[in-house]
């Protein structure tokens, strides 16, 4: 599959070249990660479940581009380039469109998340028990070492997301997520930056997907080490939770089958529930109502 998106261009393959789909496609967004990107890819390739690794260079500086040229010549590795930095959401949009696997997972280009956790993450999808799996840093007390303010912010956003979507997640903001092929083919990513995390969560909830969590290891890094998410992204996350969350409305949303061209036999757990996306919302906290 060579047609990806208007945002990404594929480097190092001819138009007639084909990739054999594997059970797992791993999308790796990368922005100025020259110190770790090659090691991350090498560790991913050692996993038997990995059918392809799609690295999306999101307008990185020359050092990262040079590192990408040194990646393994393994045919499972593909590199997409954005000519300018667009954000994690834009990188996932290009990577998801280029993926071919039965399951699509996200792996950050640093080592905050261990690639070796992916086989357990995708198992519920391969076994037919779930459509979406989140790797949770909260489960099993694996969130040690992260600054308390960052943990408090993530927990607050998760709480708000659960209130708006009806899910019961422990870690909505996790960067380790996996989706079935059917879900990926239905999703449309609109957010360009880190707002993609609450956007994806709201949309899979609205689709009625079976969402579960698995514990993962987590090694937080500092801003000096390359951490990119900031206060502005946290504020945007609140807006995205409201904007994309499932809302009751008399106006019926398109059913899953209508969006994908599938017939009435589409599994009920993948059909869209009635909802609308509203930019003006209200949440009730105690006796105070915010609009």
C-alpha atoms as a PDB file:
ATOM      1  CA  UNK A   1       0.000   0.000   0.000  1.00  0.00           C
ATOM      2  CA  UNK A   2       1.724   3.163  -1.186  1.00  0.00           C
ATOM      3  CA  UNK A   3      -1.066   5.697  -0.902  1.00  0.00           C
ATOM      4  CA  UNK A   4      -0.814   7.086   2.590  1.00  0.00           C
ATOM      5  CA  UNK A   5      -1.961  10.650   3.046  1.00  0.00           C
ATOM      6  CA  UNK A   6      -1.205  14.068   1.702  1.00  0.00           C
ATOM      7  CA  UNK A   7       0.798  14.793   4.848  1.00  0.00           C
ATOM      8  CA  UNK A   8       3.299  11.936   4.576  1.00  0.00           C
ATOM      9  CA  UNK A   9       5.618  10.779   1.851  1.00  0.00           C
ATOM     10  CA  UNK A  10       7.134   7.320   1.794  1.00  0.00           C
ATOM     11  CA  UNK A  11      10.878   7.073   1.423  1.00  0.00           C
ATOM     12  CA  UNK A  12      12.978   4.206   0.133  1.00  0.00           C
ATOM     13  CA  UNK A  13      10.437   2.105  -1.784  1.00  0.00           C
ATOM     14  CA  UNK A  14       9.429   1.837  -5.398  1.00  0.00           C
ATOM     15  CA  UNK A  15       5.847   2.176  -6.521  1.00  0.00           C
ATOM     16  CA  UNK A  16       5.634  -1.519  -7.291  1.00  0.00           C
ATOM     17  CA  UNK A  17       7.073  -2.706  -3.990  1.00  0.00           C
ATOM     18  CA  UNK A  18       4.692  -4.561  -1.667  1.00  0.00           C
ATOM     19  CA  UNK A  19       4.796  -5.303   2.042  1.00  0.00           C
ATOM     20  CA  UNK A  20       3.337  -8.480   3.488  1.00  0.00           C
ATOM     21  CA  UNK A  21       0.803  -7.630   6.170  1.00  0.00           C
ATOM     22  CA  UNK A  22       1.636  -9.078   9.591  1.00  0.00           C
ATOM     23  CA  UNK A  23      -0.474  -9.423  12.724  1.00  0.00           C
ATOM     24  CA  UNK A  24       0.878  -6.175  14.197  1.00  0.00           C
ATOM     25  CA  UNK A  25       1.693  -2.834  12.634  1.00  0.00           C
ATOM     26  CA  UNK A  26       3.561  -0.490  14.981  1.00  0.00           C
ATOM     27  CA  UNK A  27       3.361   3.238  14.285  1.00  0.00           C
ATOM     28  CA  UNK A  28       6.286   5.197  15.773  1.00  0.00           C
ATOM     29  CA  UNK A  29       5.880   9.008  15.725  1.00  0.00           C
ATOM     30  CA  UNK A  30       9.312  10.622  15.932  1.00  0.00           C
ATOM     31  CA  UNK A  31      10.328  14.230  16.389  1.00  0.00           C
ATOM     32  CA  UNK A  32      14.004  14.899  17.156  1.00  0.00           C
ATOM     33  CA  UNK A  33      14.598  11.463  18.705  1.00  0.00           C
ATOM     34  CA  UNK A  34      17.975  10.663  17.137  1.00  0.00           C
ATOM     35  CA  UNK A  35      19.376   9.252  20.378  1.00  0.00           C
ATOM     36  CA  UNK A  36      16.805   6.479  20.738  1.00  0.00           C
ATOM     37  CA  UNK A  37      14.936   5.876  17.469  1.00  0.00           C
ATOM     38  CA  UNK A  38      17.248   3.197  16.047  1.00  0.00           C
ATOM     39  CA  UNK A  39      17.269   1.259  19.328  1.00  0.00           C
ATOM     40  CA  UNK A  40      13.482   1.401  19.585  1.00  0.00           C
ATOM     41  CA  UNK A  41      13.065   0.050  16.056  1.00  0.00           C
ATOM     42  CA  UNK A  42      15.637  -2.695  16.596  1.00  0.00           C
ATOM     43  CA  UNK A  43      13.814  -3.877  19.727  1.00  0.00           C
ATOM     44  CA  UNK A  44      10.481  -3.822  17.924  1.00  0.00           C
ATOM     45  CA  UNK A  45      11.873  -5.988  15.126  1.00  0.00           C
ATOM     46  CA  UNK A  46      12.870  -8.644  17.653  1.00  0.00           C
ATOM     47  CA  UNK A  47       9.215  -9.207  18.520  1.00  0.00           C
ATOM     48  CA  UNK A  48       7.665 -12.059  16.547  1.00  0.00           C
ATOM     49  CA  UNK A  49       4.238 -10.415  16.521  1.00  0.00           C
ATOM     50  CA  UNK A  50       5.511  -7.362  14.620  1.00  0.00           C
ATOM     51  CA  UNK A  51       4.640  -7.440  10.939  1.00  0.00           C
ATOM     52  CA  UNK A  52       5.752  -3.917  10.127  1.00  0.00           C
ATOM     53  CA  UNK A  53       7.212  -0.842  11.809  1.00  0.00           C
ATOM     54  CA  UNK A  54       6.116   2.501  10.394  1.00  0.00           C
ATOM     55  CA  UNK A  55       8.293   5.384  11.571  1.00  0.00           C
ATOM     56  CA  UNK A  56       6.790   8.817  10.955  1.00  0.00           C
ATOM     57  CA  UNK A  57       9.476  11.511  11.005  1.00  0.00           C
ATOM     58  CA  UNK A  58       7.481  14.581  11.953  1.00  0.00           C
ATOM     59  CA  UNK A  59       9.755  17.305  10.573  1.00  0.00           C
ATOM     60  CA  UNK A  60      12.787  16.396  12.689  1.00  0.00           C
ATOM     61  CA  UNK A  61      16.180  18.057  12.506  1.00  0.00           C
ATOM     62  CA  UNK A  62      19.008  16.590  10.451  1.00  0.00           C
ATOM     63  CA  UNK A  63      20.340  14.383  13.261  1.00  0.00           C
ATOM     64  CA  UNK A  64      17.141  12.326  13.387  1.00  0.00           C
ATOM     65  CA  UNK A  65      16.976  12.101   9.609  1.00  0.00           C
ATOM     66  CA  UNK A  66      20.511  10.765   9.582  1.00  0.00           C
ATOM     67  CA  UNK A  67      19.626   8.217  12.241  1.00  0.00           C
ATOM     68  CA  UNK A  68      16.660   7.040  10.195  1.00  0.00           C
ATOM     69  CA  UNK A  69      18.941   6.245   7.253  1.00  0.00           C
ATOM     70  CA  UNK A  70      20.778   3.824   9.520  1.00  0.00           C
ATOM     71  CA  UNK A  71      17.702   1.796  10.381  1.00  0.00           C
ATOM     72  CA  UNK A  72      17.706  -1.913   9.672  1.00  0.00           C
ATOM     73  CA  UNK A  73      17.239  -2.897   6.052  1.00  0.00           C
ATOM     74  CA  UNK A  74      14.597  -5.336   7.265  1.00  0.00           C
ATOM     75  CA  UNK A  75      11.663  -5.151   4.841  1.00  0.00           C
ATOM     76  CA  UNK A  76       9.304  -4.641   7.758  1.00  0.00           C
ATOM     77  CA  UNK A  77      10.592  -1.091   8.342  1.00  0.00           C
ATOM     78  CA  UNK A  78       8.961   1.826   6.549  1.00  0.00           C
ATOM     79  CA  UNK A  79       9.764   5.507   6.990  1.00  0.00           C
ATOM     80  CA  UNK A  80       7.369   8.379   6.313  1.00  0.00           C
ATOM     81  CA  UNK A  81       8.456  12.021   6.322  1.00  0.00           C
ATOM     82  CA  UNK A  82       6.532  15.167   7.135  1.00  0.00           C
ATOM     83  CA  UNK A  83       8.317  18.181   5.673  1.00  0.00           C
ATOM     84  CA  UNK A  84       7.477  20.256   8.744  1.00  0.00           C
ATOM     85  CA  UNK A  85       6.529  19.480  12.326  1.00  0.00           C
ATOM     86  CA  UNK A  86       2.781  18.895  12.552  1.00  0.00           C
ATOM     87  CA  UNK A  87       2.376  17.059  15.851  1.00  0.00           C
ATOM     88  CA  UNK A  88       1.718  13.571  17.191  1.00  0.00           C
ATOM     89  CA  UNK A  89      -1.854  13.438  15.932  1.00  0.00           C
ATOM     90  CA  UNK A  90      -0.774  14.245  12.387  1.00  0.00           C
ATOM     91  CA  UNK A  91       1.959  11.599  12.621  1.00  0.00           C
ATOM     92  CA  UNK A  92      -0.547   8.980  13.747  1.00  0.00           C
ATOM     93  CA  UNK A  93      -2.893   9.981  10.938  1.00  0.00           C
ATOM     94  CA  UNK A  94      -0.194   9.247   8.359  1.00  0.00           C
ATOM     95  CA  UNK A  95       0.975   6.089  10.109  1.00  0.00           C
ATOM     96  CA  UNK A  96      -2.509   4.627  10.545  1.00  0.00           C
ATOM     97  CA  UNK A  97      -3.303   5.256   6.869  1.00  0.00           C
ATOM     98  CA  UNK A  98      -0.132   3.421   5.819  1.00  0.00           C
ATOM     99  CA  UNK A  99      -0.573   0.445   8.149  1.00  0.00           C
ATOM    100  CA  UNK A 100      -1.651  -2.972   6.902  1.00  0.00           C
ATOM    101  CA  UNK A 101      -1.642  -5.165  10.008  1.00  0.00           C
ATOM    102  CA  UNK A 102      -4.513  -6.928  11.709  1.00  0.00           C
ATOM    103  CA  UNK A 103      -3.721  -4.868  14.811  1.00  0.00           C
ATOM    104  CA  UNK A 104      -2.195  -1.363  14.920  1.00  0.00           C
ATOM    105  CA  UNK A 105      -0.272  -0.180  17.982  1.00  0.00           C
ATOM    106  CA  UNK A 106       1.457   3.074  18.901  1.00  0.00           C
ATOM    107  CA  UNK A 107       5.022   3.094  20.241  1.00  0.00           C
ATOM    108  CA  UNK A 108       6.766   6.319  21.209  1.00  0.00           C
ATOM    109  CA  UNK A 109      10.264   6.860  19.807  1.00  0.00           C
ATOM    110  CA  UNK A 110      11.843   7.067  23.251  1.00  0.00           C
ATOM    111  CA  UNK A 111      12.005   4.466  26.002  1.00  0.00           C
ATOM    112  CA  UNK A 112       9.260   5.752  28.286  1.00  0.00           C
ATOM    113  CA  UNK A 113       7.311   2.709  27.100  1.00  0.00           C
ATOM    114  CA  UNK A 114       8.957  -0.710  26.623  1.00  0.00           C
ATOM    115  CA  UNK A 115       8.423  -2.295  23.194  1.00  0.00           C
ATOM    116  CA  UNK A 116       8.454  -5.689  24.914  1.00  0.00           C
ATOM    117  CA  UNK A 117       5.065  -4.904  26.490  1.00  0.00           C
ATOM    118  CA  UNK A 118       3.312  -4.917  23.105  1.00  0.00           C
ATOM    119  CA  UNK A 119       2.675  -8.687  22.823  1.00  0.00           C
ATOM    120  CA  UNK A 120       0.614  -8.662  26.030  1.00  0.00           C
ATOM    121  CA  UNK A 121      -1.083  -5.410  24.994  1.00  0.00           C
ATOM    122  CA  UNK A 122      -2.428  -6.790  21.726  1.00  0.00           C
ATOM    123  CA  UNK A 123      -3.391 -10.244  23.008  1.00  0.00           C
ATOM    124  CA  UNK A 124      -6.982  -9.301  23.947  1.00  0.00           C
ATOM    125  CA  UNK A 125      -7.506  -8.037  20.381  1.00  0.00           C
ATOM    126  CA  UNK A 126      -5.994 -11.123  18.734  1.00  0.00           C
ATOM    127  CA  UNK A 127      -8.129 -13.380  20.927  1.00  0.00           C
ATOM    128  CA  UNK A 128     -11.294 -11.454  20.049  1.00  0.00           C
ATOM    129  CA  UNK A 129     -11.870 -10.222  23.599  1.00  0.00           C
ATOM    130  CA  UNK A 130     -11.385  -6.511  22.853  1.00  0.00           C
ATOM    131  CA  UNK A 131     -11.291  -3.990  20.014  1.00  0.00           C
ATOM    132  CA  UNK A 132      -9.034  -1.459  21.743  1.00  0.00           C
ATOM    133  CA  UNK A 133      -6.402  -1.929  24.462  1.00  0.00           C
ATOM    134  CA  UNK A 134      -4.727   0.799  26.505  1.00  0.00           C
ATOM    135  CA  UNK A 135      -1.443   0.183  28.267  1.00  0.00           C
ATOM    136  CA  UNK A 136      -1.986   1.627  31.735  1.00  0.00           C
ATOM    137  CA  UNK A 137       0.789   3.121  33.834  1.00  0.00           C
ATOM    138  CA  UNK A 138      -1.541   3.104  36.825  1.00  0.00           C
ATOM    139  CA  UNK A 139      -2.150  -0.643  36.994  1.00  0.00           C
ATOM    140  CA  UNK A 140       0.260  -2.632  39.089  1.00  0.00           C
ATOM    141  CA  UNK A 141       1.884   0.485  40.613  1.00  0.00           C
ATOM    142  CA  UNK A 142       4.042   1.040  37.511  1.00  0.00           C
ATOM    143  CA  UNK A 143       3.825   4.834  37.536  1.00  0.00           C
ATOM    144  CA  UNK A 144       6.775   5.361  39.881  1.00  0.00           C
ATOM    145  CA  UNK A 145       9.223   8.163  39.157  1.00  0.00           C
ATOM    146  CA  UNK A 146       6.856  10.489  37.314  1.00  0.00           C
ATOM    147  CA  UNK A 147       6.548  14.017  38.801  1.00  0.00           C
ATOM    148  CA  UNK A 148       3.505  14.292  41.064  1.00  0.00           C
ATOM    149  CA  UNK A 149       2.098  17.259  39.146  1.00  0.00           C
ATOM    150  CA  UNK A 150       2.185  15.327  35.881  1.00  0.00           C
ATOM    151  CA  UNK A 151       0.504  12.333  37.502  1.00  0.00           C
ATOM    152  CA  UNK A 152      -2.153  14.575  39.013  1.00  0.00           C
ATOM    153  CA  UNK A 153      -2.842  16.168  35.630  1.00  0.00           C
ATOM    154  CA  UNK A 154      -3.111  12.796  33.884  1.00  0.00           C
ATOM    155  CA  UNK A 155      -5.436  11.438  36.566  1.00  0.00           C
ATOM    156  CA  UNK A 156      -7.634  14.526  36.378  1.00  0.00           C
ATOM    157  CA  UNK A 157      -7.905  14.286  32.602  1.00  0.00           C
ATOM    158  CA  UNK A 158      -8.689  10.578  32.858  1.00  0.00           C
ATOM    159  CA  UNK A 159     -11.423  11.283  35.402  1.00  0.00           C
ATOM    160  CA  UNK A 160     -12.971  13.960  33.189  1.00  0.00           C
ATOM    161  CA  UNK A 161     -12.741  11.720  30.122  1.00  0.00           C
ATOM    162  CA  UNK A 162     -14.484   8.889  31.995  1.00  0.00           C
ATOM    163  CA  UNK A 163     -17.256  11.251  33.060  1.00  0.00           C
ATOM    164  CA  UNK A 164     -17.841  12.351  29.480  1.00  0.00           C
ATOM    165  CA  UNK A 165     -17.439   9.009  27.662  1.00  0.00           C
ATOM    166  CA  UNK A 166     -18.829   6.491  30.137  1.00  0.00           C
ATOM    167  CA  UNK A 167     -15.608   4.484  30.104  1.00  0.00           C
ATOM    168  CA  UNK A 168     -13.798   3.382  33.255  1.00  0.00           C
ATOM    169  CA  UNK A 169     -10.145   3.874  32.331  1.00  0.00           C
ATOM    170  CA  UNK A 170      -7.256   4.336  34.735  1.00  0.00           C
ATOM    171  CA  UNK A 171      -4.936   6.010  32.189  1.00  0.00           C
ATOM    172  CA  UNK A 172      -6.577   7.786  29.255  1.00  0.00           C
ATOM    173  CA  UNK A 173      -3.450   9.790  28.379  1.00  0.00           C
ATOM    174  CA  UNK A 174      -1.197   6.765  27.918  1.00  0.00           C
ATOM    175  CA  UNK A 175       0.886   6.781  24.753  1.00  0.00           C
ATOM    176  CA  UNK A 176       0.647   2.984  24.483  1.00  0.00           C
ATOM    177  CA  UNK A 177      -2.550   2.091  22.641  1.00  0.00           C
ATOM    178  CA  UNK A 178      -3.570  -0.718  20.271  1.00  0.00           C
ATOM    179  CA  UNK A 179      -6.533  -0.935  17.895  1.00  0.00           C
ATOM    180  CA  UNK A 180      -8.085  -3.627  15.747  1.00  0.00           C
ATOM    181  CA  UNK A 181      -7.966  -3.209  11.981  1.00  0.00           C
ATOM    182  CA  UNK A 182     -11.715  -2.517  11.844  1.00  0.00           C
ATOM    183  CA  UNK A 183     -11.433   0.296  14.361  1.00  0.00           C
ATOM    184  CA  UNK A 184      -8.458   1.914  12.594  1.00  0.00           C
ATOM    185  CA  UNK A 185     -10.292   1.812   9.272  1.00  0.00           C
ATOM    186  CA  UNK A 186     -13.250   3.620  10.852  1.00  0.00           C
ATOM    187  CA  UNK A 187     -11.398   6.283  12.843  1.00  0.00           C
ATOM    188  CA  UNK A 188     -10.745   9.727  11.423  1.00  0.00           C
ATOM    189  CA  UNK A 189      -8.039  11.611  13.340  1.00  0.00           C
ATOM    190  CA  UNK A 190      -8.654  15.346  13.438  1.00  0.00           C
ATOM    191  CA  UNK A 191      -6.236  16.560  16.103  1.00  0.00           C
ATOM    192  CA  UNK A 192      -2.679  17.355  15.013  1.00  0.00           C
ATOM    193  CA  UNK A 193      -1.023  17.499  18.433  1.00  0.00           C
ATOM    194  CA  UNK A 194      -1.392  15.666  21.747  1.00  0.00           C
ATOM    195  CA  UNK A 195      -5.143  16.271  21.733  1.00  0.00           C
ATOM    196  CA  UNK A 196      -5.251  13.047  19.747  1.00  0.00           C
ATOM    197  CA  UNK A 197      -5.252  11.019  22.988  1.00  0.00           C
ATOM    198  CA  UNK A 198      -8.637  12.234  24.310  1.00  0.00           C
ATOM    199  CA  UNK A 199      -9.948  12.384  20.746  1.00  0.00           C
ATOM    200  CA  UNK A 200      -9.239   8.692  20.133  1.00  0.00           C
ATOM    201  CA  UNK A 201     -10.700   7.791  23.512  1.00  0.00           C
ATOM    202  CA  UNK A 202     -13.924   9.694  22.898  1.00  0.00           C
ATOM    203  CA  UNK A 203     -14.340   8.256  19.422  1.00  0.00           C
ATOM    204  CA  UNK A 204     -13.807   4.597  20.341  1.00  0.00           C
ATOM    205  CA  UNK A 205     -16.268   5.094  23.214  1.00  0.00           C
ATOM    206  CA  UNK A 206     -18.819   6.584  20.820  1.00  0.00           C
ATOM    207  CA  UNK A 207     -18.322   3.642  18.464  1.00  0.00           C
ATOM    208  CA  UNK A 208     -19.210   1.242  21.250  1.00  0.00           C
ATOM    209  CA  UNK A 209     -15.827  -0.499  21.065  1.00  0.00           C
ATOM    210  CA  UNK A 210     -14.800  -2.990  23.712  1.00  0.00           C
ATOM    211  CA  UNK A 211     -11.974  -1.160  25.488  1.00  0.00           C
ATOM    212  CA  UNK A 212      -9.739  -2.786  28.071  1.00  0.00           C
ATOM    213  CA  UNK A 213      -6.438  -2.009  29.794  1.00  0.00           C
ATOM    214  CA  UNK A 214      -3.245  -3.942  30.477  1.00  0.00           C
ATOM    215  CA  UNK A 215      -0.447  -2.959  32.876  1.00  0.00           C
ATOM    216  CA  UNK A 216       2.765  -1.641  31.311  1.00  0.00           C
ATOM    217  CA  UNK A 217       6.165  -0.502  32.467  1.00  0.00           C
ATOM    218  CA  UNK A 218       6.917   3.208  32.355  1.00  0.00           C
ATOM    219  CA  UNK A 219      10.164   5.133  32.600  1.00  0.00           C
ATOM    220  CA  UNK A 220       9.372   8.885  32.627  1.00  0.00           C
ATOM    221  CA  UNK A 221      11.808  11.390  31.184  1.00  0.00           C
ATOM    222  CA  UNK A 222      12.328  15.067  31.921  1.00  0.00           C
ATOM    223  CA  UNK A 223      11.958  18.059  29.615  1.00  0.00           C
ATOM    224  CA  UNK A 224      15.741  18.233  29.512  1.00  0.00           C
ATOM    225  CA  UNK A 225      15.718  14.688  28.136  1.00  0.00           C
ATOM    226  CA  UNK A 226      13.222  15.572  25.419  1.00  0.00           C
ATOM    227  CA  UNK A 227       9.753  15.514  27.013  1.00  0.00           C
ATOM    228  CA  UNK A 228       7.497  17.598  24.750  1.00  0.00           C
ATOM    229  CA  UNK A 229       3.978  17.719  26.177  1.00  0.00           C
ATOM    230  CA  UNK A 230       3.250  20.900  28.154  1.00  0.00           C
ATOM    231  CA  UNK A 231       0.604  23.014  29.893  1.00  0.00           C
ATOM    232  CA  UNK A 232      -0.916  24.154  26.605  1.00  0.00           C
ATOM    233  CA  UNK A 233      -1.477  20.525  25.615  1.00  0.00           C
ATOM    234  CA  UNK A 234      -3.198  19.851  28.936  1.00  0.00           C
ATOM    235  CA  UNK A 235      -5.625  22.686  28.358  1.00  0.00           C
ATOM    236  CA  UNK A 236      -6.243  21.481  24.824  1.00  0.00           C
ATOM    237  CA  UNK A 237      -6.938  17.993  26.199  1.00  0.00           C
ATOM    238  CA  UNK A 238      -9.799  19.378  28.317  1.00  0.00           C
ATOM    239  CA  UNK A 239     -11.282  20.995  25.220  1.00  0.00           C
ATOM    240  CA  UNK A 240     -10.866  17.809  23.174  1.00  0.00           C
ATOM    241  CA  UNK A 241     -12.573  15.704  25.845  1.00  0.00           C
ATOM    242  CA  UNK A 242     -15.595  17.962  25.533  1.00  0.00           C
ATOM    243  CA  UNK A 243     -15.465  18.323  21.780  1.00  0.00           C
ATOM    244  CA  UNK A 244     -15.194  14.659  20.849  1.00  0.00           C
ATOM    245  CA  UNK A 245     -17.022  12.925  23.677  1.00  0.00           C
ATOM    246  CA  UNK A 246     -20.208  11.041  23.104  1.00  0.00           C
ATOM    247  CA  UNK A 247     -23.264  13.153  23.802  1.00  0.00           C
ATOM    248  CA  UNK A 248     -26.936  12.273  23.871  1.00  0.00           C
ATOM    249  CA  UNK A 249     -28.893  13.909  21.109  1.00  0.00           C
ATOM    250  CA  UNK A 250     -32.147  13.483  19.284  1.00  0.00           C
ATOM    251  CA  UNK A 251     -30.128  13.625  16.108  1.00  0.00           C
ATOM    252  CA  UNK A 252     -28.906  10.122  15.234  1.00  0.00           C
ATOM    253  CA  UNK A 253     -25.263   9.647  14.300  1.00  0.00           C
ATOM    254  CA  UNK A 254     -24.279   7.434  11.346  1.00  0.00           C
ATOM    255  CA  UNK A 255     -24.104   3.746  12.234  1.00  0.00           C
ATOM    256  CA  UNK A 256     -20.807   1.899  12.053  1.00  0.00           C
ATOM    257  CA  UNK A 257     -21.961   0.011   8.954  1.00  0.00           C
ATOM    258  CA  UNK A 258     -22.914   3.241   7.211  1.00  0.00           C
ATOM    259  CA  UNK A 259     -19.449   4.674   7.811  1.00  0.00           C
ATOM    260  CA  UNK A 260     -17.599   1.573   6.586  1.00  0.00           C
ATOM    261  CA  UNK A 261     -19.973   0.359   3.897  1.00  0.00           C
ATOM    262  CA  UNK A 262     -20.681  -2.808   5.899  1.00  0.00           C
ATOM    263  CA  UNK A 263     -24.089  -4.412   6.084  1.00  0.00           C
ATOM    264  CA  UNK A 264     -26.446  -5.269   8.909  1.00  0.00           C
ATOM    265  CA  UNK A 265     -24.178  -8.156   9.946  1.00  0.00           C
ATOM    266  CA  UNK A 266     -21.606  -5.746  11.366  1.00  0.00           C
ATOM    267  CA  UNK A 267     -20.967  -6.792  15.001  1.00  0.00           C
ATOM    268  CA  UNK A 268     -23.173  -4.811  17.359  1.00  0.00           C
ATOM    269  CA  UNK A 269     -20.240  -3.809  19.563  1.00  0.00           C
ATOM    270  CA  UNK A 270     -18.733  -1.903  16.646  1.00  0.00           C
ATOM    271  CA  UNK A 271     -21.854  -0.005  15.647  1.00  0.00           C
ATOM    272  CA  UNK A 272     -22.107   3.666  16.457  1.00  0.00           C
ATOM    273  CA  UNK A 273     -24.436   4.645  19.279  1.00  0.00           C
ATOM    274  CA  UNK A 274     -26.573   7.711  18.825  1.00  0.00           C
ATOM    275  CA  UNK A 275     -24.461  10.759  19.653  1.00  0.00           C
ATOM    276  CA  UNK A 276     -23.436  14.173  18.448  1.00  0.00           C
ATOM    277  CA  UNK A 277     -20.242  16.182  18.859  1.00  0.00           C
ATOM    278  CA  UNK A 278     -20.984  19.518  20.503  1.00  0.00           C
ATOM    279  CA  UNK A 279     -18.569  22.341  20.943  1.00  0.00           C
ATOM    280  CA  UNK A 280     -20.634  23.868  23.737  1.00  0.00           C
ATOM    281  CA  UNK A 281     -20.959  21.536  26.692  1.00  0.00           C
ATOM    282  CA  UNK A 282     -21.644  21.476  30.377  1.00  0.00           C
ATOM    283  CA  UNK A 283     -20.267  19.368  33.223  1.00  0.00           C
ATOM    284  CA  UNK A 284     -21.579  19.265  36.757  1.00  0.00           C
ATOM    285  CA  UNK A 285     -19.117  19.199  39.613  1.00  0.00           C
ATOM    286  CA  UNK A 286     -20.847  19.351  42.968  1.00  0.00           C
ATOM    287  CA  UNK A 287     -23.350  22.205  42.793  1.00  0.00           C
ATOM    288  CA  UNK A 288     -21.411  24.248  40.267  1.00  0.00           C
ATOM    289  CA  UNK A 289     -22.357  24.065  36.606  1.00  0.00           C
ATOM    290  CA  UNK A 290     -19.783  25.161  34.016  1.00  0.00           C
ATOM    291  CA  UNK A 291     -20.779  26.117  30.478  1.00  0.00           C
END
